[in-house]
N, C-alpha and C. Protein backbone atom coordinates (compact mmCIF):
# COMPACT_ATOMS: atom_id res chain seq x y z
N MET A 1 -1.26 -25.93 13.22
CA MET A 1 -1.77 -24.75 12.52
C MET A 1 -0.77 -23.60 12.62
N VAL A 2 -0.36 -23.31 13.82
CA VAL A 2 0.57 -22.19 14.02
C VAL A 2 1.89 -22.46 13.30
N TYR A 3 2.37 -23.68 13.38
CA TYR A 3 3.63 -24.04 12.73
C TYR A 3 3.55 -23.88 11.21
N GLN A 4 2.38 -24.06 10.63
CA GLN A 4 2.22 -24.01 9.18
C GLN A 4 1.69 -22.68 8.64
N HIS A 5 1.39 -21.72 9.48
CA HIS A 5 0.69 -20.53 8.98
C HIS A 5 1.52 -19.62 8.08
N HIS A 6 2.81 -19.89 7.94
CA HIS A 6 3.63 -19.14 6.99
C HIS A 6 3.89 -19.94 5.71
N GLU A 7 3.28 -21.11 5.62
CA GLU A 7 3.39 -21.90 4.39
C GLU A 7 2.48 -21.27 3.32
N ARG A 8 2.85 -21.42 2.07
CA ARG A 8 2.06 -20.89 0.95
C ARG A 8 1.73 -22.03 -0.01
N LEU A 9 0.59 -21.95 -0.65
CA LEU A 9 0.11 -23.03 -1.51
C LEU A 9 1.11 -23.45 -2.57
N ASP A 10 1.90 -22.52 -3.07
CA ASP A 10 2.86 -22.83 -4.13
C ASP A 10 4.19 -23.38 -3.61
N GLY A 11 4.31 -23.56 -2.30
CA GLY A 11 5.53 -24.11 -1.72
C GLY A 11 6.57 -23.06 -1.36
N SER A 12 6.26 -21.79 -1.56
CA SER A 12 7.24 -20.73 -1.31
C SER A 12 7.31 -20.31 0.16
N GLY A 13 6.46 -20.85 0.99
CA GLY A 13 6.44 -20.46 2.40
C GLY A 13 7.47 -21.21 3.23
N TYR A 14 7.35 -21.04 4.51
CA TYR A 14 8.28 -21.70 5.44
C TYR A 14 7.50 -22.12 6.67
N PRO A 15 7.99 -23.02 7.46
CA PRO A 15 9.36 -23.54 7.54
C PRO A 15 9.62 -24.80 6.70
N GLN A 16 8.58 -25.46 6.19
CA GLN A 16 8.79 -26.74 5.50
C GLN A 16 8.61 -26.67 3.99
N GLY A 17 8.15 -25.56 3.45
CA GLY A 17 7.90 -25.47 2.02
C GLY A 17 6.78 -26.38 1.56
N LEU A 18 5.76 -26.55 2.40
CA LEU A 18 4.63 -27.39 2.05
C LEU A 18 3.87 -26.84 0.86
N ILE A 19 3.21 -27.72 0.13
CA ILE A 19 2.47 -27.33 -1.08
C ILE A 19 1.01 -27.76 -0.95
N GLY A 20 0.11 -26.87 -1.36
CA GLY A 20 -1.30 -27.18 -1.50
C GLY A 20 -1.95 -27.89 -0.33
N GLN A 21 -2.50 -29.06 -0.61
CA GLN A 21 -3.28 -29.82 0.37
C GLN A 21 -2.45 -30.31 1.56
N ALA A 22 -1.14 -30.25 1.48
CA ALA A 22 -0.29 -30.64 2.60
C ALA A 22 -0.39 -29.64 3.75
N ILE A 23 -0.92 -28.46 3.46
CA ILE A 23 -1.09 -27.42 4.48
C ILE A 23 -2.47 -27.62 5.11
N LEU A 24 -2.51 -27.69 6.42
CA LEU A 24 -3.78 -27.85 7.12
C LEU A 24 -4.76 -26.74 6.75
N PRO A 25 -6.04 -27.07 6.58
CA PRO A 25 -7.04 -26.04 6.25
C PRO A 25 -7.05 -24.90 7.28
N GLU A 26 -6.91 -25.25 8.54
CA GLU A 26 -6.91 -24.23 9.59
C GLU A 26 -5.71 -23.29 9.46
N ALA A 27 -4.58 -23.84 9.04
CA ALA A 27 -3.38 -23.02 8.83
C ALA A 27 -3.57 -22.07 7.65
N ARG A 28 -4.31 -22.50 6.66
CA ARG A 28 -4.59 -21.63 5.49
C ARG A 28 -5.43 -20.42 5.90
N VAL A 29 -6.40 -20.65 6.79
CA VAL A 29 -7.23 -19.56 7.31
C VAL A 29 -6.38 -18.64 8.17
N LEU A 30 -5.58 -19.21 9.04
CA LEU A 30 -4.72 -18.43 9.91
C LEU A 30 -3.73 -17.61 9.10
N ALA A 31 -3.25 -18.14 7.99
CA ALA A 31 -2.33 -17.41 7.12
C ALA A 31 -2.97 -16.12 6.60
N ILE A 32 -4.22 -16.20 6.19
CA ILE A 32 -4.93 -15.03 5.70
C ILE A 32 -5.08 -13.99 6.81
N ALA A 33 -5.50 -14.45 7.97
CA ALA A 33 -5.67 -13.53 9.11
C ALA A 33 -4.35 -12.87 9.46
N ASP A 34 -3.27 -13.64 9.44
CA ASP A 34 -1.95 -13.10 9.77
C ASP A 34 -1.51 -12.04 8.76
N VAL A 35 -1.66 -12.32 7.49
CA VAL A 35 -1.26 -11.37 6.45
C VAL A 35 -2.05 -10.07 6.57
N VAL A 36 -3.36 -10.19 6.70
CA VAL A 36 -4.21 -9.00 6.77
C VAL A 36 -3.88 -8.18 8.01
N GLU A 37 -3.75 -8.83 9.15
CA GLU A 37 -3.44 -8.11 10.38
C GLU A 37 -2.05 -7.48 10.31
N ALA A 38 -1.07 -8.24 9.85
CA ALA A 38 0.31 -7.75 9.82
C ALA A 38 0.46 -6.55 8.89
N MET A 39 -0.19 -6.58 7.75
CA MET A 39 -0.06 -5.48 6.80
C MET A 39 -0.90 -4.27 7.19
N SER A 40 -2.02 -4.50 7.81
CA SER A 40 -2.96 -3.42 8.11
C SER A 40 -2.53 -2.54 9.27
N LEU A 41 -1.85 -3.13 10.24
CA LEU A 41 -1.53 -2.41 11.46
C LEU A 41 -0.06 -2.02 11.53
N GLU A 42 0.21 -1.00 12.27
CA GLU A 42 1.58 -0.50 12.44
C GLU A 42 2.46 -1.54 13.11
N ARG A 43 3.70 -1.56 12.70
CA ARG A 43 4.71 -2.42 13.30
C ARG A 43 5.83 -1.52 13.83
N PRO A 44 6.62 -2.00 14.79
CA PRO A 44 7.71 -1.17 15.31
C PRO A 44 8.69 -0.73 14.22
N TYR A 45 8.81 -1.52 13.17
CA TYR A 45 9.78 -1.27 12.11
C TYR A 45 9.20 -0.59 10.87
N ARG A 46 7.87 -0.32 10.85
CA ARG A 46 7.26 0.36 9.69
C ARG A 46 5.85 0.81 10.04
N PRO A 47 5.39 1.84 9.34
CA PRO A 47 3.99 2.28 9.56
C PRO A 47 3.01 1.27 8.96
N ALA A 48 1.77 1.37 9.34
CA ALA A 48 0.72 0.52 8.79
C ALA A 48 0.62 0.72 7.29
N LEU A 49 0.41 -0.36 6.58
CA LEU A 49 0.22 -0.28 5.12
C LEU A 49 -1.25 -0.08 4.77
N GLY A 50 -2.13 -0.42 5.69
CA GLY A 50 -3.56 -0.20 5.50
C GLY A 50 -4.31 -1.43 5.05
N ILE A 51 -5.59 -1.43 5.35
CA ILE A 51 -6.44 -2.57 5.02
C ILE A 51 -6.59 -2.76 3.51
N ASP A 52 -6.65 -1.67 2.76
CA ASP A 52 -6.80 -1.82 1.31
C ASP A 52 -5.60 -2.54 0.70
N THR A 53 -4.41 -2.20 1.14
CA THR A 53 -3.20 -2.87 0.66
C THR A 53 -3.21 -4.34 1.06
N ALA A 54 -3.61 -4.62 2.28
CA ALA A 54 -3.66 -6.01 2.76
C ALA A 54 -4.66 -6.83 1.96
N LEU A 55 -5.84 -6.29 1.73
CA LEU A 55 -6.86 -7.02 0.97
C LEU A 55 -6.42 -7.22 -0.48
N GLU A 56 -5.74 -6.25 -1.03
CA GLU A 56 -5.22 -6.39 -2.40
C GLU A 56 -4.17 -7.50 -2.46
N GLU A 57 -3.33 -7.60 -1.43
CA GLU A 57 -2.33 -8.68 -1.37
C GLU A 57 -2.99 -10.05 -1.40
N ILE A 58 -4.00 -10.25 -0.58
CA ILE A 58 -4.62 -11.58 -0.58
C ILE A 58 -5.41 -11.84 -1.86
N LYS A 59 -5.98 -10.79 -2.46
CA LYS A 59 -6.66 -10.96 -3.76
C LYS A 59 -5.66 -11.39 -4.82
N THR A 60 -4.51 -10.73 -4.85
CA THR A 60 -3.48 -11.02 -5.84
C THR A 60 -2.95 -12.45 -5.69
N GLY A 61 -2.80 -12.90 -4.45
CA GLY A 61 -2.28 -14.23 -4.19
C GLY A 61 -3.31 -15.32 -4.12
N ARG A 62 -4.57 -14.97 -4.33
CA ARG A 62 -5.68 -15.93 -4.23
C ARG A 62 -5.46 -17.12 -5.16
N GLY A 63 -5.48 -18.32 -4.58
CA GLY A 63 -5.34 -19.54 -5.36
C GLY A 63 -3.91 -19.91 -5.70
N MET A 64 -2.97 -18.96 -5.59
CA MET A 64 -1.56 -19.25 -5.86
C MET A 64 -0.78 -19.35 -4.56
N LEU A 65 -0.93 -18.34 -3.70
CA LEU A 65 -0.26 -18.32 -2.41
C LEU A 65 -1.21 -18.68 -1.28
N TYR A 66 -2.43 -18.18 -1.41
CA TYR A 66 -3.43 -18.28 -0.34
C TYR A 66 -4.64 -19.07 -0.81
N ASP A 67 -5.22 -19.80 0.11
CA ASP A 67 -6.40 -20.60 -0.17
C ASP A 67 -7.54 -19.72 -0.69
N ALA A 68 -8.09 -20.07 -1.84
CA ALA A 68 -9.12 -19.26 -2.47
C ALA A 68 -10.37 -19.11 -1.60
N ASN A 69 -10.81 -20.17 -0.97
CA ASN A 69 -12.00 -20.08 -0.11
C ASN A 69 -11.76 -19.18 1.10
N ALA A 70 -10.57 -19.28 1.68
CA ALA A 70 -10.23 -18.43 2.83
C ALA A 70 -10.15 -16.97 2.42
N VAL A 71 -9.58 -16.71 1.26
CA VAL A 71 -9.51 -15.33 0.75
C VAL A 71 -10.92 -14.79 0.53
N ASP A 72 -11.76 -15.57 -0.13
CA ASP A 72 -13.12 -15.12 -0.41
C ASP A 72 -13.89 -14.82 0.88
N ALA A 73 -13.73 -15.68 1.87
CA ALA A 73 -14.41 -15.46 3.15
C ALA A 73 -13.91 -14.18 3.82
N CYS A 74 -12.62 -13.98 3.80
CA CYS A 74 -12.04 -12.77 4.41
C CYS A 74 -12.55 -11.52 3.69
N LEU A 75 -12.53 -11.54 2.39
CA LEU A 75 -13.01 -10.37 1.63
C LEU A 75 -14.47 -10.07 1.93
N ARG A 76 -15.29 -11.11 2.04
CA ARG A 76 -16.71 -10.91 2.37
C ARG A 76 -16.86 -10.28 3.76
N ILE A 77 -16.06 -10.73 4.70
CA ILE A 77 -16.15 -10.19 6.07
C ILE A 77 -15.86 -8.69 6.07
N PHE A 78 -14.86 -8.27 5.33
CA PHE A 78 -14.49 -6.86 5.30
C PHE A 78 -15.40 -6.03 4.39
N THR A 79 -15.72 -6.54 3.20
CA THR A 79 -16.46 -5.72 2.24
C THR A 79 -17.97 -5.78 2.43
N GLU A 80 -18.50 -6.95 2.72
CA GLU A 80 -19.96 -7.08 2.85
C GLU A 80 -20.44 -6.91 4.28
N LYS A 81 -19.66 -7.37 5.24
CA LYS A 81 -20.09 -7.31 6.63
C LYS A 81 -19.57 -6.09 7.37
N GLY A 82 -18.64 -5.35 6.75
CA GLY A 82 -18.15 -4.12 7.35
C GLY A 82 -17.20 -4.29 8.53
N PHE A 83 -16.56 -5.46 8.61
CA PHE A 83 -15.62 -5.70 9.71
C PHE A 83 -14.42 -4.75 9.60
N THR A 84 -13.92 -4.31 10.74
CA THR A 84 -12.73 -3.46 10.78
C THR A 84 -11.76 -3.98 11.84
N LEU A 85 -10.50 -3.67 11.66
CA LEU A 85 -9.48 -4.01 12.66
C LEU A 85 -9.28 -2.81 13.57
N GLY A 86 -8.93 -3.12 14.78
CA GLY A 86 -8.58 -2.03 15.70
C GLY A 86 -9.66 -1.75 16.63
C-alpha cells in the first residue's frame, strides 16, 4: 500500500506507473488521504494550501487520477460529517 500510494489511475504516478486496477484498493484510499493532508497543512517549503484547495484537487482528479469511490468517501467525511484536520 505504502509503495503504491503515489500511483495514479491513469498511470502518471510513481514509482511503477501502475494503471487502474493494478493499484491496490488500500493504496488508492491512502493516496487520497496523502493528497488531502499534504495540500491542507503547512510544509517546511510552502504554506498550507487549505482544505478547500485539497478537496477541489481530488474532485478534479476523480476517476482519472484518483479512485472515484475513495474520493466520494473523503468528500462525504469532510462535507457531511464535518471532519477537520489538525
